[in-house]
Amino acid sequence: MSTPTIPMSAADRAAHEAASFVRVSPEISRAVARYEVAALRVEELAGLDARHMTGAQFDSLALAQDTMAESRQVLEQAGLLHLVDAGSAVTR
């Protein structure tokens, strides 16, 4: 016995279409993930007093900033920079 289907209203169809998502390539997904992780690291290290940071922490900060820049470049070239702009990248 099959379940009867209830037709969707025009408003429900429009809402469903508006809520659909865009599929992105693995490269874009990786760029977003790398950006988000690097942004968290920058936030963590930026809160430290520079006078007490170790050389490794300085290197880590520079690497995280470089990673963010590289990821932004990949996303900008793909026209998908909005995926990390406007505070959407780092969520808690």
PDB file of N, CA and C in Angstrom:
ATOM      1  N   MET A   1       0.848  -1.175   0.000  1.00  0.00           N
ATOM      2  CA  MET A   1       0.000   0.000   0.000  1.00  0.00           C
ATOM      3  C   MET A   1       0.893   1.237   0.000  1.00  0.00           C
ATOM      4  N   SER A   2       0.635   2.127  -0.933  1.00  0.00           N
ATOM      5  CA  SER A   2       1.462   3.328  -1.032  1.00  0.00           C
ATOM      6  C   SER A   2       0.849   4.469  -0.239  1.00  0.00           C
ATOM      7  N   THR A   3       1.712   5.393   0.139  1.00  0.00           N
ATOM      8  CA  THR A   3       1.272   6.560   0.887  1.00  0.00           C
ATOM      9  C   THR A   3       0.721   7.590  -0.091  1.00  0.00           C
ATOM     10  N   PRO A   4      -0.433   8.146   0.191  1.00  0.00           N
ATOM     11  CA  PRO A   4      -0.982   9.145  -0.724  1.00  0.00           C
ATOM     12  C   PRO A   4      -0.130  10.415  -0.720  1.00  0.00           C
ATOM     13  N   THR A   5       0.024  11.006  -1.876  1.00  0.00           N
ATOM     14  CA  THR A   5       0.793  12.243  -1.974  1.00  0.00           C
ATOM     15  C   THR A   5      -0.135  13.437  -1.899  1.00  0.00           C
ATOM     16  N   ILE A   6       0.319  14.403  -1.117  1.00  0.00           N
ATOM     17  CA  ILE A   6      -0.451  15.638  -0.979  1.00  0.00           C
ATOM     18  C   ILE A   6       0.249  16.684  -1.837  1.00  0.00           C
ATOM     19  N   PRO A   7      -0.486  17.293  -2.769  1.00  0.00           N
ATOM     20  CA  PRO A   7       0.161  18.278  -3.631  1.00  0.00           C
ATOM     21  C   PRO A   7       0.652  19.478  -2.825  1.00  0.00           C
ATOM     22  N   MET A   8       1.805  19.989  -3.230  1.00  0.00           N
ATOM     23  CA  MET A   8       2.373  21.162  -2.562  1.00  0.00           C
ATOM     24  C   MET A   8       1.728  22.421  -3.120  1.00  0.00           C
ATOM     25  N   SER A   9       1.521  23.372  -2.237  1.00  0.00           N
ATOM     26  CA  SER A   9       0.991  24.655  -2.687  1.00  0.00           C
ATOM     27  C   SER A   9       2.083  25.413  -3.440  1.00  0.00           C
ATOM     28  N   ALA A  10       1.692  26.453  -4.150  1.00  0.00           N
ATOM     29  CA  ALA A  10       2.661  27.268  -4.883  1.00  0.00           C
ATOM     30  C   ALA A  10       3.669  27.887  -3.918  1.00  0.00           C
ATOM     31  N   ALA A  11       3.208  28.315  -2.757  1.00  0.00           N
ATOM     32  CA  ALA A  11       4.102  28.910  -1.757  1.00  0.00           C
ATOM     33  C   ALA A  11       5.099  27.875  -1.238  1.00  0.00           C
ATOM     34  N   ASP A  12       4.632  26.639  -1.006  1.00  0.00           N
ATOM     35  CA  ASP A  12       5.526  25.577  -0.548  1.00  0.00           C
ATOM     36  C   ASP A  12       6.569  25.245  -1.611  1.00  0.00           C
ATOM     37  N   ARG A  13       6.157  25.182  -2.871  1.00  0.00           N
ATOM     38  CA  ARG A  13       7.105  24.908  -3.958  1.00  0.00           C
ATOM     39  C   ARG A  13       8.157  26.010  -4.046  1.00  0.00           C
ATOM     40  N   ALA A  14       7.725  27.266  -3.949  1.00  0.00           N
ATOM     41  CA  ALA A  14       8.661  28.397  -4.022  1.00  0.00           C
ATOM     42  C   ALA A  14       9.651  28.357  -2.856  1.00  0.00           C
ATOM     43  N   ALA A  15       9.159  28.049  -1.672  1.00  0.00           N
ATOM     44  CA  ALA A  15      10.036  27.961  -0.501  1.00  0.00           C
ATOM     45  C   ALA A  15      11.033  26.825  -0.669  1.00  0.00           C
ATOM     46  N   HIS A  16      10.583  25.712  -1.197  1.00  0.00           N
ATOM     47  CA  HIS A  16      11.465  24.565  -1.412  1.00  0.00           C
ATOM     48  C   HIS A  16      12.563  24.909  -2.418  1.00  0.00           C
ATOM     49  N   GLU A  17      12.217  25.565  -3.499  1.00  0.00           N
ATOM     50  CA  GLU A  17      13.194  25.946  -4.520  1.00  0.00           C
ATOM     51  C   GLU A  17      14.185  26.971  -3.963  1.00  0.00           C
ATOM     52  N   ALA A  18      13.707  27.904  -3.144  1.00  0.00           N
ATOM     53  CA  ALA A  18      14.582  28.927  -2.569  1.00  0.00           C
ATOM     54  C   ALA A  18      15.540  28.325  -1.554  1.00  0.00           C
ATOM     55  N   ALA A  19      15.152  27.246  -0.922  1.00  0.00           N
ATOM     56  CA  ALA A  19      15.977  26.629   0.112  1.00  0.00           C
ATOM     57  C   ALA A  19      16.983  25.641  -0.455  1.00  0.00           C
ATOM     58  N   SER A  20      16.911  25.354  -1.749  1.00  0.00           N
ATOM     59  CA  SER A  20      17.865  24.413  -2.315  1.00  0.00           C
ATOM     60  C   SER A  20      19.268  25.010  -2.264  1.00  0.00           C
ATOM     61  N   PHE A  21      20.258  24.167  -2.289  1.00  0.00           N
ATOM     62  CA  PHE A  21      21.629  24.638  -2.138  1.00  0.00           C
ATOM     63  C   PHE A  21      22.414  24.403  -3.416  1.00  0.00           C
ATOM     64  N   VAL A  22      23.529  25.093  -3.503  1.00  0.00           N
ATOM     65  CA  VAL A  22      24.410  24.960  -4.650  1.00  0.00           C
ATOM     66  C   VAL A  22      25.496  23.961  -4.290  1.00  0.00           C
ATOM     67  N   ARG A  23      25.730  23.024  -5.156  1.00  0.00           N
ATOM     68  CA  ARG A  23      26.806  22.065  -4.924  1.00  0.00           C
ATOM     69  C   ARG A  23      28.115  22.689  -5.378  1.00  0.00           C
ATOM     70  N   VAL A  24      29.140  22.483  -4.591  1.00  0.00           N
ATOM     71  CA  VAL A  24      30.443  23.040  -4.927  1.00  0.00           C
ATOM     72  C   VAL A  24      31.452  21.909  -5.113  1.00  0.00           C
ATOM     73  N   SER A  25      32.508  22.213  -5.817  1.00  0.00           N
ATOM     74  CA  SER A  25      33.545  21.216  -6.072  1.00  0.00           C
ATOM     75  C   SER A  25      34.315  20.931  -4.786  1.00  0.00           C
ATOM     76  N   PRO A  26      35.011  19.815  -4.753  1.00  0.00           N
ATOM     77  CA  PRO A  26      35.839  19.521  -3.583  1.00  0.00           C
ATOM     78  C   PRO A  26      36.888  20.611  -3.325  1.00  0.00           C
ATOM     79  N   GLU A  27      37.418  21.213  -4.386  1.00  0.00           N
ATOM     80  CA  GLU A  27      38.414  22.275  -4.220  1.00  0.00           C
ATOM     81  C   GLU A  27      37.810  23.471  -3.470  1.00  0.00           C
ATOM     82  N   ILE A  28      36.588  23.836  -3.804  1.00  0.00           N
ATOM     83  CA  ILE A  28      35.917  24.960  -3.147  1.00  0.00           C
ATOM     84  C   ILE A  28      35.589  24.593  -1.704  1.00  0.00           C
ATOM     85  N   SER A  29      35.099  23.396  -1.499  1.00  0.00           N
ATOM     86  CA  SER A  29      34.786  22.942  -0.145  1.00  0.00           C
ATOM     87  C   SER A  29      36.044  22.947   0.724  1.00  0.00           C
ATOM     88  N   ARG A  30      37.154  22.502   0.158  1.00  0.00           N
ATOM     89  CA  ARG A  30      38.429  22.481   0.878  1.00  0.00           C
ATOM     90  C   ARG A  30      38.898  23.904   1.196  1.00  0.00           C
ATOM     91  N   ALA A  31      38.721  24.824   0.246  1.00  0.00           N
ATOM     92  CA  ALA A  31      39.135  26.220   0.472  1.00  0.00           C
ATOM     93  C   ALA A  31      38.337  26.844   1.604  1.00  0.00           C
ATOM     94  N   VAL A  32      37.047  26.566   1.656  1.00  0.00           N
ATOM     95  CA  VAL A  32      36.207  27.102   2.736  1.00  0.00           C
ATOM     96  C   VAL A  32      36.639  26.512   4.076  1.00  0.00           C
ATOM     97  N   ALA A  33      36.861  25.208   4.115  1.00  0.00           N
ATOM     98  CA  ALA A  33      37.263  24.556   5.369  1.00  0.00           C
ATOM     99  C   ALA A  33      38.621  25.070   5.843  1.00  0.00           C
ATOM    100  N   ARG A  34      39.581  25.195   4.920  1.00  0.00           N
ATOM    101  CA  ARG A  34      40.904  25.705   5.290  1.00  0.00           C
ATOM    102  C   ARG A  34      40.797  27.134   5.810  1.00  0.00           C
ATOM    103  N   TYR A  35      39.973  27.947   5.157  1.00  0.00           N
ATOM    104  CA  TYR A  35      39.793  29.334   5.593  1.00  0.00           C
ATOM    105  C   TYR A  35      39.232  29.374   7.012  1.00  0.00           C
ATOM    106  N   GLU A  36      38.209  28.578   7.258  1.00  0.00           N
ATOM    107  CA  GLU A  36      37.568  28.588   8.580  1.00  0.00           C
ATOM    108  C   GLU A  36      38.523  28.155   9.683  1.00  0.00           C
ATOM    109  N   VAL A  37      39.297  27.113   9.441  1.00  0.00           N
ATOM    110  CA  VAL A  37      40.252  26.637  10.448  1.00  0.00           C
ATOM    111  C   VAL A  37      41.334  27.685  10.679  1.00  0.00           C
ATOM    112  N   ALA A  38      41.848  28.255   9.595  1.00  0.00           N
ATOM    113  CA  ALA A  38      42.897  29.279   9.719  1.00  0.00           C
ATOM    114  C   ALA A  38      42.371  30.517  10.436  1.00  0.00           C
ATOM    115  N   ALA A  39      41.125  30.902  10.162  1.00  0.00           N
ATOM    116  CA  ALA A  39      40.537  32.073  10.820  1.00  0.00           C
ATOM    117  C   ALA A  39      40.428  31.853  12.327  1.00  0.00           C
ATOM    118  N   LEU A  40      40.084  30.642  12.731  1.00  0.00           N
ATOM    119  CA  LEU A  40      40.042  30.333  14.165  1.00  0.00           C
ATOM    120  C   LEU A  40      41.431  30.430  14.788  1.00  0.00           C
ATOM    121  N   ARG A  41      42.443  29.961  14.068  1.00  0.00           N
ATOM    122  CA  ARG A  41      43.814  30.026  14.592  1.00  0.00           C
ATOM    123  C   ARG A  41      44.283  31.477  14.705  1.00  0.00           C
ATOM    124  N   VAL A  42      43.978  32.289  13.696  1.00  0.00           N
ATOM    125  CA  VAL A  42      44.347  33.705  13.749  1.00  0.00           C
ATOM    126  C   VAL A  42      43.666  34.371  14.934  1.00  0.00           C
ATOM    127  N   GLU A  43      42.391  34.089  15.115  1.00  0.00           N
ATOM    128  CA  GLU A  43      41.642  34.671  16.239  1.00  0.00           C
ATOM    129  C   GLU A  43      42.273  34.266  17.571  1.00  0.00           C
ATOM    130  N   GLU A  44      42.657  33.005  17.683  1.00  0.00           N
ATOM    131  CA  GLU A  44      43.269  32.499  18.918  1.00  0.00           C
ATOM    132  C   GLU A  44      44.608  33.196  19.194  1.00  0.00           C
ATOM    133  N   LEU A  45      45.449  33.287  18.184  1.00  0.00           N
ATOM    134  CA  LEU A  45      46.785  33.854  18.377  1.00  0.00           C
ATOM    135  C   LEU A  45      46.776  35.374  18.455  1.00  0.00           C
ATOM    136  N   ALA A  46      45.833  36.018  17.811  1.00  0.00           N
ATOM    137  CA  ALA A  46      45.761  37.479  17.840  1.00  0.00           C
ATOM    138  C   ALA A  46      45.447  37.984  19.249  1.00  0.00           C
ATOM    139  N   GLY A  47      44.860  37.155  20.061  1.00  0.00           N
ATOM    140  CA  GLY A  47      44.527  37.545  21.424  1.00  0.00           C
ATOM    141  C   GLY A  47      45.703  37.464  22.395  1.00  0.00           C
ATOM    142  N   LEU A  48      46.821  36.931  21.942  1.00  0.00           N
ATOM    143  CA  LEU A  48      47.993  36.794  22.811  1.00  0.00           C
ATOM    144  C   LEU A  48      48.838  38.069  22.792  1.00  0.00           C
ATOM    145  N   ASP A  49      49.534  38.282  23.864  1.00  0.00           N
ATOM    146  CA  ASP A  49      50.474  39.395  23.950  1.00  0.00           C
ATOM    147  C   ASP A  49      51.702  39.023  23.113  1.00  0.00           C
ATOM    148  N   ALA A  50      52.012  39.831  22.113  1.00  0.00           N
ATOM    149  CA  ALA A  50      53.114  39.525  21.196  1.00  0.00           C
ATOM    150  C   ALA A  50      54.451  39.400  21.921  1.00  0.00           C
ATOM    151  N   ARG A  51      54.588  40.085  23.031  1.00  0.00           N
ATOM    152  CA  ARG A  51      55.853  40.014  23.780  1.00  0.00           C
ATOM    153  C   ARG A  51      56.087  38.632  24.384  1.00  0.00           C
ATOM    154  N   HIS A  52      55.007  37.856  24.542  1.00  0.00           N
ATOM    155  CA  HIS A  52      55.133  36.547  25.175  1.00  0.00           C
ATOM    156  C   HIS A  52      54.915  35.392  24.196  1.00  0.00           C
ATOM    157  N   MET A  53      54.772  35.722  22.916  1.00  0.00           N
ATOM    158  CA  MET A  53      54.565  34.670  21.913  1.00  0.00           C
ATOM    159  C   MET A  53      55.894  33.990  21.599  1.00  0.00           C
ATOM    160  N   THR A  54      55.833  32.697  21.380  1.00  0.00           N
ATOM    161  CA  THR A  54      57.023  31.944  20.980  1.00  0.00           C
ATOM    162  C   THR A  54      57.228  32.101  19.474  1.00  0.00           C
ATOM    163  N   GLY A  55      58.381  31.696  19.016  1.00  0.00           N
ATOM    164  CA  GLY A  55      58.650  31.716  17.575  1.00  0.00           C
ATOM    165  C   GLY A  55      57.671  30.834  16.821  1.00  0.00           C
ATOM    166  N   ALA A  56      57.326  29.695  17.410  1.00  0.00           N
ATOM    167  CA  ALA A  56      56.378  28.777  16.773  1.00  0.00           C
ATOM    168  C   ALA A  56      54.996  29.418  16.647  1.00  0.00           C
ATOM    169  N   GLN A  57      54.606  30.182  17.654  1.00  0.00           N
ATOM    170  CA  GLN A  57      53.310  30.855  17.589  1.00  0.00           C
ATOM    171  C   GLN A  57      53.305  31.936  16.507  1.00  0.00           C
ATOM    172  N   PHE A  58      54.398  32.684  16.385  1.00  0.00           N
ATOM    173  CA  PHE A  58      54.495  33.672  15.315  1.00  0.00           C
ATOM    174  C   PHE A  58      54.417  32.990  13.947  1.00  0.00           C
ATOM    175  N   ASP A  59      55.151  31.889  13.798  1.00  0.00           N
ATOM    176  CA  ASP A  59      55.123  31.148  12.539  1.00  0.00           C
ATOM    177  C   ASP A  59      53.732  30.616  12.245  1.00  0.00           C
ATOM    178  N   SER A  60      53.059  30.129  13.263  1.00  0.00           N
ATOM    179  CA  SER A  60      51.710  29.605  13.104  1.00  0.00           C
ATOM    180  C   SER A  60      50.737  30.706  12.682  1.00  0.00           C
ATOM    181  N   LEU A  61      50.889  31.873  13.264  1.00  0.00           N
ATOM    182  CA  LEU A  61      50.047  33.011  12.899  1.00  0.00           C
ATOM    183  C   LEU A  61      50.268  33.403  11.438  1.00  0.00           C
ATOM    184  N   ALA A  62      51.526  33.485  11.027  1.00  0.00           N
ATOM    185  CA  ALA A  62      51.845  33.838   9.639  1.00  0.00           C
ATOM    186  C   ALA A  62      51.297  32.787   8.675  1.00  0.00           C
ATOM    187  N   LEU A  63      51.448  31.510   9.023  1.00  0.00           N
ATOM    188  CA  LEU A  63      50.944  30.426   8.174  1.00  0.00           C
ATOM    189  C   LEU A  63      49.423  30.488   8.060  1.00  0.00           C
ATOM    190  N   ALA A  64      48.752  30.737   9.163  1.00  0.00           N
ATOM    191  CA  ALA A  64      47.285  30.827   9.146  1.00  0.00           C
ATOM    192  C   ALA A  64      46.830  32.005   8.288  1.00  0.00           C
ATOM    193  N   GLN A  65      47.518  33.131   8.383  1.00  0.00           N
ATOM    194  CA  GLN A  65      47.165  34.289   7.562  1.00  0.00           C
ATOM    195  C   GLN A  65      47.394  33.999   6.083  1.00  0.00           C
ATOM    196  N   ASP A  66      48.493  33.322   5.757  1.00  0.00           N
ATOM    197  CA  ASP A  66      48.760  32.941   4.374  1.00  0.00           C
ATOM    198  C   ASP A  66      47.694  31.978   3.855  1.00  0.00           C
ATOM    199  N   THR A  67      47.285  31.032   4.688  1.00  0.00           N
ATOM    200  CA  THR A  67      46.248  30.068   4.308  1.00  0.00           C
ATOM    201  C   THR A  67      44.937  30.778   4.022  1.00  0.00           C
ATOM    202  N   MET A  68      44.589  31.754   4.858  1.00  0.00           N
ATOM    203  CA  MET A  68      43.362  32.522   4.621  1.00  0.00           C
ATOM    204  C   MET A  68      43.445  33.264   3.287  1.00  0.00           C
ATOM    205  N   ALA A  69      44.586  33.873   3.002  1.00  0.00           N
ATOM    206  CA  ALA A  69      44.749  34.614   1.746  1.00  0.00           C
ATOM    207  C   ALA A  69      44.648  33.677   0.536  1.00  0.00           C
ATOM    208  N   GLU A  70      45.299  32.520   0.615  1.00  0.00           N
ATOM    209  CA  GLU A  70      45.236  31.549  -0.482  1.00  0.00           C
ATOM    210  C   GLU A  70      43.803  31.058  -0.702  1.00  0.00           C
ATOM    211  N   SER A  71      43.106  30.775   0.372  1.00  0.00           N
ATOM    212  CA  SER A  71      41.725  30.295   0.270  1.00  0.00           C
ATOM    213  C   SER A  71      40.816  31.367  -0.323  1.00  0.00           C
ATOM    214  N   ARG A  72      40.999  32.607   0.108  1.00  0.00           N
ATOM    215  CA  ARG A  72      40.210  33.715  -0.444  1.00  0.00           C
ATOM    216  C   ARG A  72      40.464  33.854  -1.945  1.00  0.00           C
ATOM    217  N   GLN A  73      41.712  33.653  -2.376  1.00  0.00           N
ATOM    218  CA  GLN A  73      42.042  33.770  -3.796  1.00  0.00           C
ATOM    219  C   GLN A  73      41.321  32.689  -4.604  1.00  0.00           C
ATOM    220  N   VAL A  74      41.316  31.460  -4.109  1.00  0.00           N
ATOM    221  CA  VAL A  74      40.610  30.364  -4.789  1.00  0.00           C
ATOM    222  C   VAL A  74      39.121  30.689  -4.893  1.00  0.00           C
ATOM    223  N   LEU A  75      38.541  31.159  -3.792  1.00  0.00           N
ATOM    224  CA  LEU A  75      37.111  31.457  -3.770  1.00  0.00           C
ATOM    225  C   LEU A  75      36.780  32.664  -4.639  1.00  0.00           C
ATOM    226  N   GLU A  76      37.661  33.648  -4.654  1.00  0.00           N
ATOM    227  CA  GLU A  76      37.426  34.829  -5.482  1.00  0.00           C
ATOM    228  C   GLU A  76      37.451  34.455  -6.966  1.00  0.00           C
ATOM    229  N   GLN A  77      38.393  33.629  -7.366  1.00  0.00           N
ATOM    230  CA  GLN A  77      38.481  33.192  -8.755  1.00  0.00           C
ATOM    231  C   GLN A  77      37.245  32.402  -9.177  1.00  0.00           C
ATOM    232  N   ALA A  78      36.646  31.696  -8.234  1.00  0.00           N
ATOM    233  CA  ALA A  78      35.442  30.915  -8.522  1.00  0.00           C
ATOM    234  C   ALA A  78      34.172  31.747  -8.398  1.00  0.00           C
ATOM    235  N   GLY A  79      34.308  32.998  -7.962  1.00  0.00           N
ATOM    236  CA  GLY A  79      33.131  33.841  -7.767  1.00  0.00           C
ATOM    237  C   GLY A  79      32.319  33.448  -6.550  1.00  0.00           C
ATOM    238  N   LEU A  80      32.954  32.824  -5.581  1.00  0.00           N
ATOM    239  CA  LEU A  80      32.249  32.317  -4.402  1.00  0.00           C
ATOM    240  C   LEU A  80      32.809  32.896  -3.100  1.00  0.00           C
ATOM    241  N   LEU A  81      33.349  34.087  -3.177  1.00  0.00           N
ATOM    242  CA  LEU A  81      33.929  34.713  -2.001  1.00  0.00           C
ATOM    243  C   LEU A  81      32.901  34.930  -0.896  1.00  0.00           C
ATOM    244  N   HIS A  82      31.640  35.011  -1.278  1.00  0.00           N
ATOM    245  CA  HIS A  82      30.581  35.201  -0.279  1.00  0.00           C
ATOM    246  C   HIS A  82      30.496  34.037   0.713  1.00  0.00           C
ATOM    247  N   LEU A  83      31.095  32.911   0.389  1.00  0.00           N
ATOM    248  CA  LEU A  83      31.045  31.762   1.294  1.00  0.00           C
ATOM    249  C   LEU A  83      31.847  31.998   2.573  1.00  0.00           C
ATOM    250  N   VAL A  84      32.809  32.921   2.543  1.00  0.00           N
ATOM    251  CA  VAL A  84      33.594  33.205   3.744  1.00  0.00           C
ATOM    252  C   VAL A  84      33.464  34.644   4.202  1.00  0.00           C
ATOM    253  N   ASP A  85      32.801  35.491   3.451  1.00  0.00           N
ATOM    254  CA  ASP A  85      32.622  36.891   3.839  1.00  0.00           C
ATOM    255  C   ASP A  85      31.361  37.067   4.676  1.00  0.00           C
ATOM    256  N   ALA A  86      31.247  38.224   5.241  1.00  0.00           N
ATOM    257  CA  ALA A  86      30.063  38.615   6.019  1.00  0.00           C
ATOM    258  C   ALA A  86      29.856  37.757   7.256  1.00  0.00           C
ATOM    259  N   GLY A  87      30.961  37.277   7.856  1.00  0.00           N
ATOM    260  CA  GLY A  87      30.857  36.550   9.117  1.00  0.00           C
ATOM    261  C   GLY A  87      30.300  35.156   8.999  1.00  0.00           C
ATOM    262  N   SER A  88      30.143  34.639   7.769  1.00  0.00           N
ATOM    263  CA  SER A  88      29.566  33.313   7.624  1.00  0.00           C
ATOM    264  C   SER A  88      30.591  32.200   7.791  1.00  0.00           C
ATOM    265  N   ALA A  89      31.859  32.553   7.791  1.00  0.00           N
ATOM    266  CA  ALA A  89      32.882  31.518   7.812  1.00  0.00           C
ATOM    267  C   ALA A  89      33.066  30.880   9.173  1.00  0.00           C
ATOM    268  N   VAL A  90      33.260  31.675  10.178  1.00  0.00           N
ATOM    269  CA  VAL A  90      33.573  31.126  11.491  1.00  0.00           C
ATOM    270  C   VAL A  90      32.332  31.203  12.368  1.00  0.00           C
ATOM    271  N   THR A  91      31.805  30.044  12.686  1.00  0.00           N
ATOM    272  CA  THR A  91      30.624  29.997  13.538  1.00  0.00           C
ATOM    273  C   THR A  91      30.932  29.137  14.744  1.00  0.00           C
ATOM    274  N   ARG A  92      30.267  29.409  15.814  1.00  0.00           N
ATOM    275  CA  ARG A  92      30.464  28.609  17.029  1.00  0.00           C
ATOM    276  C   ARG A  92      29.172  28.015  17.474  1.00  0.00           C
TER     277      ARG A  92
END
